[in-house]
PDB file of all heavy atoms in Angstrom:
ATOM      1  N   HIS A   1     -53.616 -31.500  27.080  1.00  0.00           N
ATOM      2  CA  HIS A   1     -52.525 -32.388  26.683  1.00  0.00           C
ATOM      3  C   HIS A   1     -51.182 -31.683  26.857  1.00  0.00           C
ATOM      4  O   HIS A   1     -50.277 -31.829  26.064  1.00  0.00           O
ATOM      5  CB  HIS A   1     -52.712 -32.908  25.259  1.00  0.00           C
ATOM      6  CG  HIS A   1     -52.900 -31.832  24.237  1.00  0.00           C
ATOM      7  ND1 HIS A   1     -54.021 -31.065  24.169  1.00  0.00           N
ATOM      8  CD2 HIS A   1     -52.087 -31.387  23.252  1.00  0.00           C
ATOM      9  CE1 HIS A   1     -53.912 -30.200  23.179  1.00  0.00           C
ATOM     10  NE2 HIS A   1     -52.737 -30.366  22.615  1.00  0.00           N
ATOM     11  N   ALA A   2     -51.056 -30.946  27.944  1.00  0.00           N
ATOM     12  CA  ALA A   2     -49.837 -30.193  28.196  1.00  0.00           C
ATOM     13  C   ALA A   2     -48.627 -31.104  28.346  1.00  0.00           C
ATOM     14  O   ALA A   2     -47.509 -30.704  28.054  1.00  0.00           O
ATOM     15  CB  ALA A   2     -50.004 -29.334  29.453  1.00  0.00           C
ATOM     16  N   ASP A   3     -48.837 -32.335  28.813  1.00  0.00           N
ATOM     17  CA  ASP A   3     -47.711 -33.240  29.021  1.00  0.00           C
ATOM     18  C   ASP A   3     -47.378 -34.061  27.776  1.00  0.00           C
ATOM     19  O   ASP A   3     -46.411 -34.808  27.784  1.00  0.00           O
ATOM     20  CB  ASP A   3     -48.019 -34.205  30.174  1.00  0.00           C
ATOM     21  CG  ASP A   3     -48.147 -33.462  31.497  1.00  0.00           C
ATOM     22  OD1 ASP A   3     -47.531 -32.393  31.641  1.00  0.00           O
ATOM     23  OD2 ASP A   3     -48.872 -33.961  32.371  1.00  0.00           O
ATOM     24  N   GLU A   4     -48.174 -33.946  26.731  1.00  0.00           N
ATOM     25  CA  GLU A   4     -47.930 -34.740  25.526  1.00  0.00           C
ATOM     26  C   GLU A   4     -46.895 -34.069  24.636  1.00  0.00           C
ATOM     27  O   GLU A   4     -46.737 -32.861  24.643  1.00  0.00           O
ATOM     28  CB  GLU A   4     -49.247 -34.919  24.763  1.00  0.00           C
ATOM     29  CG  GLU A   4     -50.260 -35.718  25.541  1.00  0.00           C
ATOM     30  CD  GLU A   4     -51.588 -35.807  24.833  1.00  0.00           C
ATOM     31  OE1 GLU A   4     -51.649 -35.487  23.634  1.00  0.00           O
ATOM     32  OE2 GLU A   4     -52.564 -36.185  25.487  1.00  0.00           O
ATOM     33  N   LYS A   5     -46.181 -34.881  23.860  1.00  0.00           N
ATOM     34  CA  LYS A   5     -45.152 -34.360  22.962  1.00  0.00           C
ATOM     35  C   LYS A   5     -45.776 -33.631  21.779  1.00  0.00           C
ATOM     36  O   LYS A   5     -46.800 -34.032  21.253  1.00  0.00           O
ATOM     37  CB  LYS A   5     -44.307 -35.505  22.414  1.00  0.00           C
ATOM     38  CG  LYS A   5     -43.317 -36.031  23.389  1.00  0.00           C
ATOM     39  CD  LYS A   5     -42.381 -36.981  22.668  1.00  0.00           C
ATOM     40  CE  LYS A   5     -41.226 -37.319  23.563  1.00  0.00           C
ATOM     41  NZ  LYS A   5     -40.244 -38.143  22.884  1.00  0.00           N
ATOM     42  N   VAL A   6     -45.119 -32.562  21.351  1.00  0.00           N
ATOM     43  CA  VAL A   6     -45.509 -31.832  20.158  1.00  0.00           C
ATOM     44  C   VAL A   6     -44.690 -32.386  19.001  1.00  0.00           C
ATOM     45  O   VAL A   6     -43.496 -32.636  19.142  1.00  0.00           O
ATOM     46  CB  VAL A   6     -45.249 -30.324  20.329  1.00  0.00           C
ATOM     47  CG1 VAL A   6     -45.449 -29.588  19.030  1.00  0.00           C
ATOM     48  CG2 VAL A   6     -46.149 -29.764  21.410  1.00  0.00           C
ATOM     49  N   HIS A   7     -45.335 -32.610  17.869  1.00  0.00           N
ATOM     50  CA  HIS A   7     -44.639 -33.091  16.682  1.00  0.00           C
ATOM     51  C   HIS A   7     -44.631 -31.974  15.653  1.00  0.00           C
ATOM     52  O   HIS A   7     -45.659 -31.635  15.094  1.00  0.00           O
ATOM     53  CB  HIS A   7     -45.337 -34.330  16.104  1.00  0.00           C
ATOM     54  CG  HIS A   7     -45.262 -35.492  17.016  1.00  0.00           C
ATOM     55  ND1 HIS A   7     -44.116 -36.236  17.177  1.00  0.00           N
ATOM     56  CD2 HIS A   7     -46.178 -36.044  17.835  1.00  0.00           C
ATOM     57  CE1 HIS A   7     -44.338 -37.195  18.050  1.00  0.00           C
ATOM     58  NE2 HIS A   7     -45.574 -37.103  18.464  1.00  0.00           N
ATOM     59  N   SER A   8     -43.463 -31.413  15.428  1.00  0.00           N
ATOM     60  CA  SER A   8     -43.362 -30.359  14.430  1.00  0.00           C
ATOM     61  C   SER A   8     -42.949 -30.975  13.098  1.00  0.00           C
ATOM     62  O   SER A   8     -42.304 -32.015  13.046  1.00  0.00           O
ATOM     63  CB  SER A   8     -42.371 -29.288  14.863  1.00  0.00           C
ATOM     64  OG  SER A   8     -41.079 -29.836  15.012  1.00  0.00           O
ATOM     65  N   GLU A   9     -43.343 -30.296  12.036  1.00  0.00           N
ATOM     66  CA  GLU A   9     -43.077 -30.795  10.693  1.00  0.00           C
ATOM     67  C   GLU A   9     -42.725 -29.617   9.797  1.00  0.00           C
ATOM     68  O   GLU A   9     -43.329 -28.560   9.882  1.00  0.00           O
ATOM     69  CB  GLU A   9     -44.337 -31.494  10.184  1.00  0.00           C
ATOM     70  CG  GLU A   9     -44.242 -31.985   8.773  1.00  0.00           C
ATOM     71  CD  GLU A   9     -45.495 -32.735   8.356  1.00  0.00           C
ATOM     72  OE1 GLU A   9     -45.556 -33.947   8.627  1.00  0.00           O
ATOM     73  OE2 GLU A   9     -46.399 -32.117   7.790  1.00  0.00           O
ATOM     74  N   PHE A  10     -41.743 -29.838   8.944  1.00  0.00           N
ATOM     75  CA  PHE A  10     -41.417 -28.833   7.939  1.00  0.00           C
ATOM     76  C   PHE A  10     -42.254 -29.110   6.699  1.00  0.00           C
ATOM     77  O   PHE A  10     -42.468 -30.271   6.328  1.00  0.00           O
ATOM     78  CB  PHE A  10     -39.920 -28.864   7.598  1.00  0.00           C
ATOM     79  CG  PHE A  10     -39.081 -28.228   8.658  1.00  0.00           C
ATOM     80  CD1 PHE A  10     -38.634 -28.957   9.746  1.00  0.00           C
ATOM     81  CD2 PHE A  10     -38.740 -26.884   8.573  1.00  0.00           C
ATOM     82  CE1 PHE A  10     -37.864 -28.370  10.729  1.00  0.00           C
ATOM     83  CE2 PHE A  10     -37.972 -26.289   9.555  1.00  0.00           C
ATOM     84  CZ  PHE A  10     -37.526 -27.037  10.641  1.00  0.00           C
ATOM     85  N   HIS A  11     -42.717 -28.042   6.081  1.00  0.00           N
ATOM     86  CA  HIS A  11     -43.558 -28.137   4.892  1.00  0.00           C
ATOM     87  C   HIS A  11     -43.010 -27.160   3.859  1.00  0.00           C
ATOM     88  O   HIS A  11     -42.709 -26.013   4.192  1.00  0.00           O
ATOM     89  CB  HIS A  11     -44.998 -27.780   5.262  1.00  0.00           C
ATOM     90  CG  HIS A  11     -45.933 -27.770   4.111  1.00  0.00           C
ATOM     91  ND1 HIS A  11     -46.787 -26.727   3.863  1.00  0.00           N
ATOM     92  CD2 HIS A  11     -46.165 -28.670   3.122  1.00  0.00           C
ATOM     93  CE1 HIS A  11     -47.493 -26.989   2.777  1.00  0.00           C
ATOM     94  NE2 HIS A  11     -47.133 -28.149   2.303  1.00  0.00           N
ATOM     95  N   ALA A  12     -42.863 -27.631   2.632  1.00  0.00           N
ATOM     96  CA  ALA A  12     -42.369 -26.766   1.565  1.00  0.00           C
ATOM     97  C   ALA A  12     -43.163 -27.018   0.296  1.00  0.00           C
ATOM     98  O   ALA A  12     -43.605 -28.144   0.043  1.00  0.00           O
ATOM     99  CB  ALA A  12     -40.886 -27.033   1.306  1.00  0.00           C
ATOM    100  N   THR A  13     -43.362 -25.957  -0.480  1.00  0.00           N
ATOM    101  CA  THR A  13     -44.004 -26.077  -1.790  1.00  0.00           C
ATOM    102  C   THR A  13     -43.121 -25.396  -2.826  1.00  0.00           C
ATOM    103  O   THR A  13     -42.480 -24.376  -2.532  1.00  0.00           O
ATOM    104  CB  THR A  13     -45.407 -25.434  -1.805  1.00  0.00           C
ATOM    105  OG1 THR A  13     -45.288 -24.052  -1.449  1.00  0.00           O
ATOM    106  CG2 THR A  13     -46.360 -26.150  -0.857  1.00  0.00           C
ATOM    107  N   TYR A  14     -43.112 -25.995  -4.008  1.00  0.00           N
ATOM    108  CA  TYR A  14     -42.264 -25.488  -5.081  1.00  0.00           C
ATOM    109  C   TYR A  14     -43.004 -25.566  -6.409  1.00  0.00           C
ATOM    110  O   TYR A  14     -43.740 -26.521  -6.651  1.00  0.00           O
ATOM    111  CB  TYR A  14     -40.996 -26.332  -5.230  1.00  0.00           C
ATOM    112  CG  TYR A  14     -40.297 -26.709  -3.952  1.00  0.00           C
ATOM    113  CD1 TYR A  14     -40.202 -28.035  -3.547  1.00  0.00           C
ATOM    114  CD2 TYR A  14     -39.706 -25.733  -3.150  1.00  0.00           C
ATOM    115  CE1 TYR A  14     -39.535 -28.386  -2.391  1.00  0.00           C
ATOM    116  CE2 TYR A  14     -39.040 -26.077  -1.987  1.00  0.00           C
ATOM    117  CZ  TYR A  14     -38.957 -27.412  -1.600  1.00  0.00           C
ATOM    118  OH  TYR A  14     -38.308 -27.748  -0.447  1.00  0.00           O
ATOM    119  N   THR A  15     -42.762 -24.600  -7.254  1.00  0.00           N
ATOM    120  CA  THR A  15     -43.182 -24.656  -8.646  1.00  0.00           C
ATOM    121  C   THR A  15     -41.950 -24.373  -9.490  1.00  0.00           C
ATOM    122  O   THR A  15     -41.255 -23.379  -9.265  1.00  0.00           O
ATOM    123  CB  THR A  15     -44.278 -23.615  -8.962  1.00  0.00           C
ATOM    124  OG1 THR A  15     -45.374 -23.809  -8.064  1.00  0.00           O
ATOM    125  CG2 THR A  15     -44.757 -23.750 -10.403  1.00  0.00           C
ATOM    126  N   LEU A  16     -41.681 -25.266 -10.430  1.00  0.00           N
ATOM    127  CA  LEU A  16     -40.533 -25.133 -11.313  1.00  0.00           C
ATOM    128  C   LEU A  16     -41.013 -25.029 -12.748  1.00  0.00           C
ATOM    129  O   LEU A  16     -42.079 -25.540 -13.090  1.00  0.00           O
ATOM    130  CB  LEU A  16     -39.615 -26.358 -11.194  1.00  0.00           C
ATOM    131  CG  LEU A  16     -39.213 -26.804  -9.791  1.00  0.00           C
ATOM    132  CD1 LEU A  16     -38.409 -28.097  -9.861  1.00  0.00           C
ATOM    133  CD2 LEU A  16     -38.435 -25.716  -9.084  1.00  0.00           C
ATOM    134  N   ASN A  17     -40.207 -24.388 -13.572  1.00  0.00           N
ATOM    135  CA  ASN A  17     -40.456 -24.346 -15.012  1.00  0.00           C
ATOM    136  C   ASN A  17     -39.213 -24.936 -15.669  1.00  0.00           C
ATOM    137  O   ASN A  17     -38.103 -24.487 -15.397  1.00  0.00           O
ATOM    138  CB  ASN A  17     -40.693 -22.912 -15.479  1.00  0.00           C
ATOM    139  CG  ASN A  17     -41.105 -22.852 -16.936  1.00  0.00           C
ATOM    140  OD1 ASN A  17     -41.331 -23.870 -17.578  1.00  0.00           O
ATOM    141  ND2 ASN A  17     -41.197 -21.651 -17.462  1.00  0.00           N
ATOM    142  N   CYS A  18     -39.407 -25.943 -16.516  1.00  0.00           N
ATOM    143  CA  CYS A  18     -38.291 -26.627 -17.164  1.00  0.00           C
ATOM    144  C   CYS A  18     -38.359 -26.390 -18.672  1.00  0.00           C
ATOM    145  O   CYS A  18     -39.341 -26.770 -19.319  1.00  0.00           O
ATOM    146  CB  CYS A  18     -38.316 -28.111 -16.850  1.00  0.00           C
ATOM    147  SG  CYS A  18     -38.177 -28.444 -15.066  1.00  0.00           S
ATOM    148  N   ALA A  19     -37.313 -25.790 -19.213  1.00  0.00           N
ATOM    149  CA  ALA A  19     -37.263 -25.452 -20.635  1.00  0.00           C
ATOM    150  C   ALA A  19     -37.262 -26.705 -21.522  1.00  0.00           C
ATOM    151  O   ALA A  19     -37.809 -26.682 -22.619  1.00  0.00           O
ATOM    152  CB  ALA A  19     -36.032 -24.594 -20.927  1.00  0.00           C
ATOM    153  N   GLN A  20     -36.659 -27.771 -21.037  1.00  0.00           N
ATOM    154  CA  GLN A  20     -36.578 -29.036 -21.784  1.00  0.00           C
ATOM    155  C   GLN A  20     -37.120 -30.174 -20.915  1.00  0.00           C
ATOM    156  O   GLN A  20     -36.360 -31.003 -20.407  1.00  0.00           O
ATOM    157  CB  GLN A  20     -35.117 -29.323 -22.173  1.00  0.00           C
ATOM    158  CG  GLN A  20     -34.454 -28.246 -23.001  1.00  0.00           C
ATOM    159  CD  GLN A  20     -35.097 -28.117 -24.365  1.00  0.00           C
ATOM    160  OE1 GLN A  20     -35.517 -29.098 -24.978  1.00  0.00           O
ATOM    161  NE2 GLN A  20     -35.187 -26.890 -24.865  1.00  0.00           N
ATOM    162  N   PRO A  21     -38.433 -30.247 -20.705  1.00  0.00           N
ATOM    163  CA  PRO A  21     -38.980 -31.256 -19.796  1.00  0.00           C
ATOM    164  C   PRO A  21     -38.667 -32.695 -20.216  1.00  0.00           C
ATOM    165  O   PRO A  21     -38.629 -33.587 -19.369  1.00  0.00           O
ATOM    166  CB  PRO A  21     -40.485 -30.984 -19.801  1.00  0.00           C
ATOM    167  CG  PRO A  21     -40.735 -30.147 -21.000  1.00  0.00           C
ATOM    168  CD  PRO A  21     -39.479 -29.414 -21.297  1.00  0.00           C
ATOM    169  N   GLU A  22     -38.409 -32.912 -21.507  1.00  0.00           N
ATOM    170  CA  GLU A  22     -38.069 -34.271 -21.951  1.00  0.00           C
ATOM    171  C   GLU A  22     -36.734 -34.729 -21.368  1.00  0.00           C
ATOM    172  O   GLU A  22     -36.438 -35.927 -21.343  1.00  0.00           O
ATOM    173  CB  GLU A  22     -38.049 -34.353 -23.486  1.00  0.00           C
ATOM    174  CG  GLU A  22     -36.977 -33.503 -24.153  1.00  0.00           C
ATOM    175  CD  GLU A  22     -37.345 -32.033 -24.356  1.00  0.00           C
ATOM    176  OE1 GLU A  22     -38.444 -31.600 -23.934  1.00  0.00           O
ATOM    177  OE2 GLU A  22     -36.523 -31.312 -24.940  1.00  0.00           O
ATOM    178  N   ALA A  23     -35.929 -33.813 -20.841  1.00  0.00           N
ATOM    179  CA  ALA A  23     -34.642 -34.162 -20.232  1.00  0.00           C
ATOM    180  C   ALA A  23     -34.773 -34.493 -18.743  1.00  0.00           C
ATOM    181  O   ALA A  23     -33.775 -34.764 -18.075  1.00  0.00           O
ATOM    182  CB  ALA A  23     -33.645 -33.024 -20.438  1.00  0.00           C
ATOM    183  N   LEU A  24     -35.992 -34.487 -18.217  1.00  0.00           N
ATOM    184  CA  LEU A  24     -36.212 -34.840 -16.806  1.00  0.00           C
ATOM    185  C   LEU A  24     -36.158 -36.360 -16.657  1.00  0.00           C
ATOM    186  O   LEU A  24     -37.179 -37.036 -16.626  1.00  0.00           O
ATOM    187  CB  LEU A  24     -37.554 -34.291 -16.319  1.00  0.00           C
ATOM    188  CG  LEU A  24     -37.638 -32.784 -16.194  1.00  0.00           C
ATOM    189  CD1 LEU A  24     -39.073 -32.340 -15.949  1.00  0.00           C
ATOM    190  CD2 LEU A  24     -36.733 -32.310 -15.071  1.00  0.00           C
ATOM    191  N   THR A  25     -34.964 -36.886 -16.555  1.00  0.00           N
ATOM    192  CA  THR A  25     -34.761 -38.332 -16.516  1.00  0.00           C
ATOM    193  C   THR A  25     -34.564 -38.876 -15.114  1.00  0.00           C
ATOM    194  O   THR A  25     -34.718 -40.069 -14.890  1.00  0.00           O
ATOM    195  CB  THR A  25     -33.550 -38.723 -17.377  1.00  0.00           C
ATOM    196  OG1 THR A  25     -32.405 -37.991 -16.900  1.00  0.00           O
ATOM    197  CG2 THR A  25     -33.803 -38.413 -18.845  1.00  0.00           C
ATOM    198  N   GLU A  26     -34.209 -37.996 -14.159  1.00  0.00           N
ATOM    199  CA  GLU A  26     -33.976 -38.459 -12.795  1.00  0.00           C
ATOM    200  C   GLU A  26     -33.999 -37.281 -11.829  1.00  0.00           C
ATOM    201  O   GLU A  26     -33.920 -36.121 -12.227  1.00  0.00           O
ATOM    202  CB  GLU A  26     -32.623 -39.176 -12.684  1.00  0.00           C
ATOM    203  CG  GLU A  26     -31.431 -38.265 -12.896  1.00  0.00           C
ATOM    204  CD  GLU A  26     -30.098 -38.997 -12.819  1.00  0.00           C
ATOM    205  OE1 GLU A  26     -30.077 -40.230 -13.009  1.00  0.00           O
ATOM    206  OE2 GLU A  26     -29.084 -38.330 -12.571  1.00  0.00           O
ATOM    207  N   ILE A  27     -34.112 -37.634 -10.551  1.00  0.00           N
ATOM    208  CA  ILE A  27     -33.967 -36.664  -9.473  1.00  0.00           C
ATOM    209  C   ILE A  27     -32.932 -37.240  -8.517  1.00  0.00           C
ATOM    210  O   ILE A  27     -33.076 -38.363  -8.038  1.00  0.00           O
ATOM    211  CB  ILE A  27     -35.283 -36.428  -8.712  1.00  0.00           C
ATOM    212  CG1 ILE A  27     -36.370 -35.907  -9.639  1.00  0.00           C
ATOM    213  CG2 ILE A  27     -35.058 -35.449  -7.552  1.00  0.00           C
ATOM    214  CD1 ILE A  27     -37.744 -35.799  -8.983  1.00  0.00           C
ATOM    215  N   ASN A  28     -31.899 -36.468  -8.242  1.00  0.00           N
ATOM    216  CA  ASN A  28     -30.892 -36.867  -7.264  1.00  0.00           C
ATOM    217  C   ASN A  28     -31.245 -36.181  -5.947  1.00  0.00           C
ATOM    218  O   ASN A  28     -31.334 -34.955  -5.887  1.00  0.00           O
ATOM    219  CB  ASN A  28     -29.497 -36.460  -7.732  1.00  0.00           C
ATOM    220  CG  ASN A  28     -28.418 -36.951  -6.781  1.00  0.00           C
ATOM    221  OD1 ASN A  28     -28.682 -37.275  -5.634  1.00  0.00           O
ATOM    222  ND2 ASN A  28     -27.203 -36.978  -7.269  1.00  0.00           N
ATOM    223  N   PHE A  29     -31.422 -36.948  -4.896  1.00  0.00           N
ATOM    224  CA  PHE A  29     -31.852 -36.432  -3.604  1.00  0.00           C
ATOM    225  C   PHE A  29     -30.646 -35.990  -2.766  1.00  0.00           C
ATOM    226  O   PHE A  29     -30.225 -36.677  -1.843  1.00  0.00           O
ATOM    227  CB  PHE A  29     -32.698 -37.476  -2.871  1.00  0.00           C
ATOM    228  CG  PHE A  29     -34.092 -37.579  -3.389  1.00  0.00           C
ATOM    229  CD1 PHE A  29     -34.347 -38.074  -4.668  1.00  0.00           C
ATOM    230  CD2 PHE A  29     -35.168 -37.168  -2.627  1.00  0.00           C
ATOM    231  CE1 PHE A  29     -35.634 -38.164  -5.163  1.00  0.00           C
ATOM    232  CE2 PHE A  29     -36.467 -37.251  -3.117  1.00  0.00           C
ATOM    233  CZ  PHE A  29     -36.696 -37.747  -4.390  1.00  0.00           C
ATOM    234  N   ALA A  30     -30.109 -34.819  -3.093  1.00  0.00           N
ATOM    235  CA  ALA A  30     -29.047 -34.205  -2.296  1.00  0.00           C
ATOM    236  C   ALA A  30     -29.594 -33.836  -0.911  1.00  0.00           C
ATOM    237  O   ALA A  30     -28.826 -33.531   0.007  1.00  0.00           O
ATOM    238  CB  ALA A  30     -28.498 -32.983  -3.009  1.00  0.00           C
ATOM    239  N   TYR A  31     -30.888 -33.886  -0.766  1.00  0.00           N
ATOM    240  CA  TYR A  31     -31.579 -33.680   0.516  1.00  0.00           C
ATOM    241  C   TYR A  31     -30.925 -34.496   1.623  1.00  0.00           C
ATOM    242  O   TYR A  31     -30.742 -34.017   2.744  1.00  0.00           O
ATOM    243  CB  TYR A  31     -33.055 -34.067   0.319  1.00  0.00           C
ATOM    244  CG  TYR A  31     -33.843 -34.320   1.566  1.00  0.00           C
ATOM    245  CD1 TYR A  31     -34.297 -33.264   2.341  1.00  0.00           C
ATOM    246  CD2 TYR A  31     -34.161 -35.615   1.964  1.00  0.00           C
ATOM    247  CE1 TYR A  31     -35.046 -33.490   3.482  1.00  0.00           C
ATOM    248  CE2 TYR A  31     -34.906 -35.856   3.103  1.00  0.00           C
ATOM    249  CZ  TYR A  31     -35.339 -34.787   3.864  1.00  0.00           C
ATOM    250  OH  TYR A  31     -36.084 -35.014   4.992  1.00  0.00           O
ATOM    251  N   PHE A  32     -30.544 -35.742   1.303  1.00  0.00           N
ATOM    252  CA  PHE A  32     -29.936 -36.609   2.319  1.00  0.00           C
ATOM    253  C   PHE A  32     -28.574 -36.080   2.776  1.00  0.00           C
ATOM    254  O   PHE A  32     -28.167 -36.318   3.915  1.00  0.00           O
ATOM    255  CB  PHE A  32     -29.794 -38.037   1.788  1.00  0.00           C
ATOM    256  CG  PHE A  32     -31.107 -38.720   1.550  1.00  0.00           C
ATOM    257  CD1 PHE A  32     -31.474 -39.098   0.268  1.00  0.00           C
ATOM    258  CD2 PHE A  32     -31.984 -38.987   2.590  1.00  0.00           C
ATOM    259  CE1 PHE A  32     -32.686 -39.732   0.033  1.00  0.00           C
ATOM    260  CE2 PHE A  32     -33.200 -39.616   2.367  1.00  0.00           C
ATOM    261  CZ  PHE A  32     -33.553 -39.994   1.089  1.00  0.00           C
ATOM    262  N   ASP A  33     -27.868 -35.380   1.903  1.00  0.00           N
ATOM    263  CA  ASP A  33     -26.579 -34.796   2.273  1.00  0.00           C
ATOM    264  C   ASP A  33     -26.759 -33.607   3.217  1.00  0.00           C
ATOM    265  O   ASP A  33     -25.903 -33.349   4.059  1.00  0.00           O
ATOM    266  CB  ASP A  33     -25.817 -34.332   1.024  1.00  0.00           C
ATOM    267  CG  ASP A  33     -25.484 -35.482   0.092  1.00  0.00           C
ATOM    268  OD1 ASP A  33     -25.313 -36.621   0.578  1.00  0.00           O
ATOM    269  OD2 ASP A  33     -25.403 -35.233  -1.123  1.00  0.00           O
ATOM    270  N   GLU A  34     -27.861 -32.897   3.068  1.00  0.00           N
ATOM    271  CA  GLU A  34     -28.139 -31.720   3.893  1.00  0.00           C
ATOM    272  C   GLU A  34     -28.658 -32.081   5.282  1.00  0.00           C
ATOM    273  O   GLU A  34     -28.390 -31.359   6.246  1.00  0.00           O
ATOM    274  CB  GLU A  34     -29.166 -30.814   3.210  1.00  0.00           C
ATOM    275  CG  GLU A  34     -28.638 -30.074   2.021  1.00  0.00           C
ATOM    276  CD  GLU A  34     -27.629 -28.999   2.389  1.00  0.00           C
ATOM    277  OE1 GLU A  34     -27.723 -28.406   3.492  1.00  0.00           O
ATOM    278  OE2 GLU A  34     -26.737 -28.755   1.568  1.00  0.00           O
ATOM    279  N   PHE A  35     -29.426 -33.154   5.380  1.00  0.00           N
ATOM    280  CA  PHE A  35     -30.114 -33.477   6.632  1.00  0.00           C
ATOM    281  C   PHE A  35     -29.765 -34.907   7.054  1.00  0.00           C
ATOM    282  O   PHE A  35     -30.339 -35.878   6.562  1.00  0.00           O
ATOM    283  CB  PHE A  35     -31.628 -33.287   6.462  1.00  0.00           C
ATOM    284  CG  PHE A  35     -31.985 -31.889   6.044  1.00  0.00           C
ATOM    285  CD1 PHE A  35     -32.419 -31.615   4.765  1.00  0.00           C
ATOM    286  CD2 PHE A  35     -31.853 -30.830   6.941  1.00  0.00           C
ATOM    287  CE1 PHE A  35     -32.741 -30.322   4.372  1.00  0.00           C
ATOM    288  CE2 PHE A  35     -32.169 -29.526   6.556  1.00  0.00           C
ATOM    289  CZ  PHE A  35     -32.608 -29.278   5.275  1.00  0.00           C
ATOM    290  N   GLU A  36     -28.834 -35.014   7.992  1.00  0.00           N
ATOM    291  CA  GLU A  36     -28.283 -36.322   8.373  1.00  0.00           C
ATOM    292  C   GLU A  36     -29.286 -37.263   9.025  1.00  0.00           C
ATOM    293  O   GLU A  36     -29.090 -38.474   9.014  1.00  0.00           O
ATOM    294  CB  GLU A  36     -27.069 -36.138   9.281  1.00  0.00           C
ATOM    295  CG  GLU A  36     -27.397 -35.526  10.621  1.00  0.00           C
ATOM    296  CD  GLU A  36     -26.163 -35.285  11.463  1.00  0.00           C
ATOM    297  OE1 GLU A  36     -25.140 -34.857  10.899  1.00  0.00           O
ATOM    298  OE2 GLU A  36     -26.236 -35.519  12.685  1.00  0.00           O
ATOM    299  N   ASN A  37     -30.370 -36.753   9.599  1.00  0.00           N
ATOM    300  CA  ASN A  37     -31.368 -37.624  10.229  1.00  0.00           C
ATOM    301  C   ASN A  37     -32.398 -38.157   9.240  1.00  0.00           C
ATOM    302  O   ASN A  37     -33.221 -38.997   9.594  1.00  0.00           O
ATOM    303  CB  ASN A  37     -32.091 -36.882  11.352  1.00  0.00           C
ATOM    304  CG  ASN A  37     -31.153 -36.543  12.496  1.00  0.00           C
ATOM    305  OD1 ASN A  37     -30.213 -37.278  12.775  1.00  0.00           O
ATOM    306  ND2 ASN A  37     -31.391 -35.420  13.142  1.00  0.00           N
ATOM    307  N   ALA A  38     -32.373 -37.661   8.011  1.00  0.00           N
ATOM    308  CA  ALA A  38     -33.307 -38.121   6.980  1.00  0.00           C
ATOM    309  C   ALA A  38     -32.823 -39.460   6.430  1.00  0.00           C
ATOM    310  O   ALA A  38     -31.664 -39.594   6.040  1.00  0.00           O
ATOM    311  CB  ALA A  38     -33.406 -37.093   5.865  1.00  0.00           C
ATOM    312  N   LEU A  39     -33.718 -40.439   6.408  1.00  0.00           N
ATOM    313  CA  LEU A  39     -33.363 -41.781   5.949  1.00  0.00           C
ATOM    314  C   LEU A  39     -34.077 -42.187   4.668  1.00  0.00           C
ATOM    315  O   LEU A  39     -33.549 -42.979   3.888  1.00  0.00           O
ATOM    316  CB  LEU A  39     -33.689 -42.805   7.044  1.00  0.00           C
ATOM    317  CG  LEU A  39     -33.053 -42.555   8.403  1.00  0.00           C
ATOM    318  CD1 LEU A  39     -33.562 -43.568   9.416  1.00  0.00           C
ATOM    319  CD2 LEU A  39     -31.534 -42.583   8.292  1.00  0.00           C
ATOM    320  N   GLU A  40     -35.283 -41.665   4.482  1.00  0.00           N
ATOM    321  CA  GLU A  40     -36.117 -42.103   3.359  1.00  0.00           C
ATOM    322  C   GLU A  40     -37.080 -40.990   2.977  1.00  0.00           C
ATOM    323  O   GLU A  40     -37.496 -40.205   3.826  1.00  0.00           O
ATOM    324  CB  GLU A  40     -36.911 -43.339   3.801  1.00  0.00           C
ATOM    325  CG  GLU A  40     -37.913 -43.858   2.825  1.00  0.00           C
ATOM    326  CD  GLU A  40     -38.720 -45.023   3.406  1.00  0.00           C
ATOM    327  OE1 GLU A  40     -38.154 -45.865   4.130  1.00  0.00           O
ATOM    328  OE2 GLU A  40     -39.935 -45.072   3.145  1.00  0.00           O
ATOM    329  N   VAL A  41     -37.439 -40.957   1.689  1.00  0.00           N
ATOM    330  CA  VAL A  41     -38.489 -40.057   1.223  1.00  0.00           C
ATOM    331  C   VAL A  41     -39.478 -40.896   0.426  1.00  0.00           C
ATOM    332  O   VAL A  41     -39.094 -41.599  -0.520  1.00  0.00           O
ATOM    333  CB  VAL A  41     -37.937 -38.912   0.342  1.00  0.00           C
ATOM    334  CG1 VAL A  41     -39.082 -38.047  -0.187  1.00  0.00           C
ATOM    335  CG2 VAL A  41     -36.946 -38.050   1.119  1.00  0.00           C
TER     336      VAL A  41
END
C-alpha cells in the first residue's frame, strides 16, 4: 500500500489530582485556540 495515504494521529494521556473535586463544574476547551484546524471534540 505504498501509494495509499498515511493517517497520523496525536495521542495523549493525563492523570490529574484535584484538591477540591467538588469544584469541577466545567471544562473550557482552550484546545480550540491552540489548534485552528480542530472543530469538535
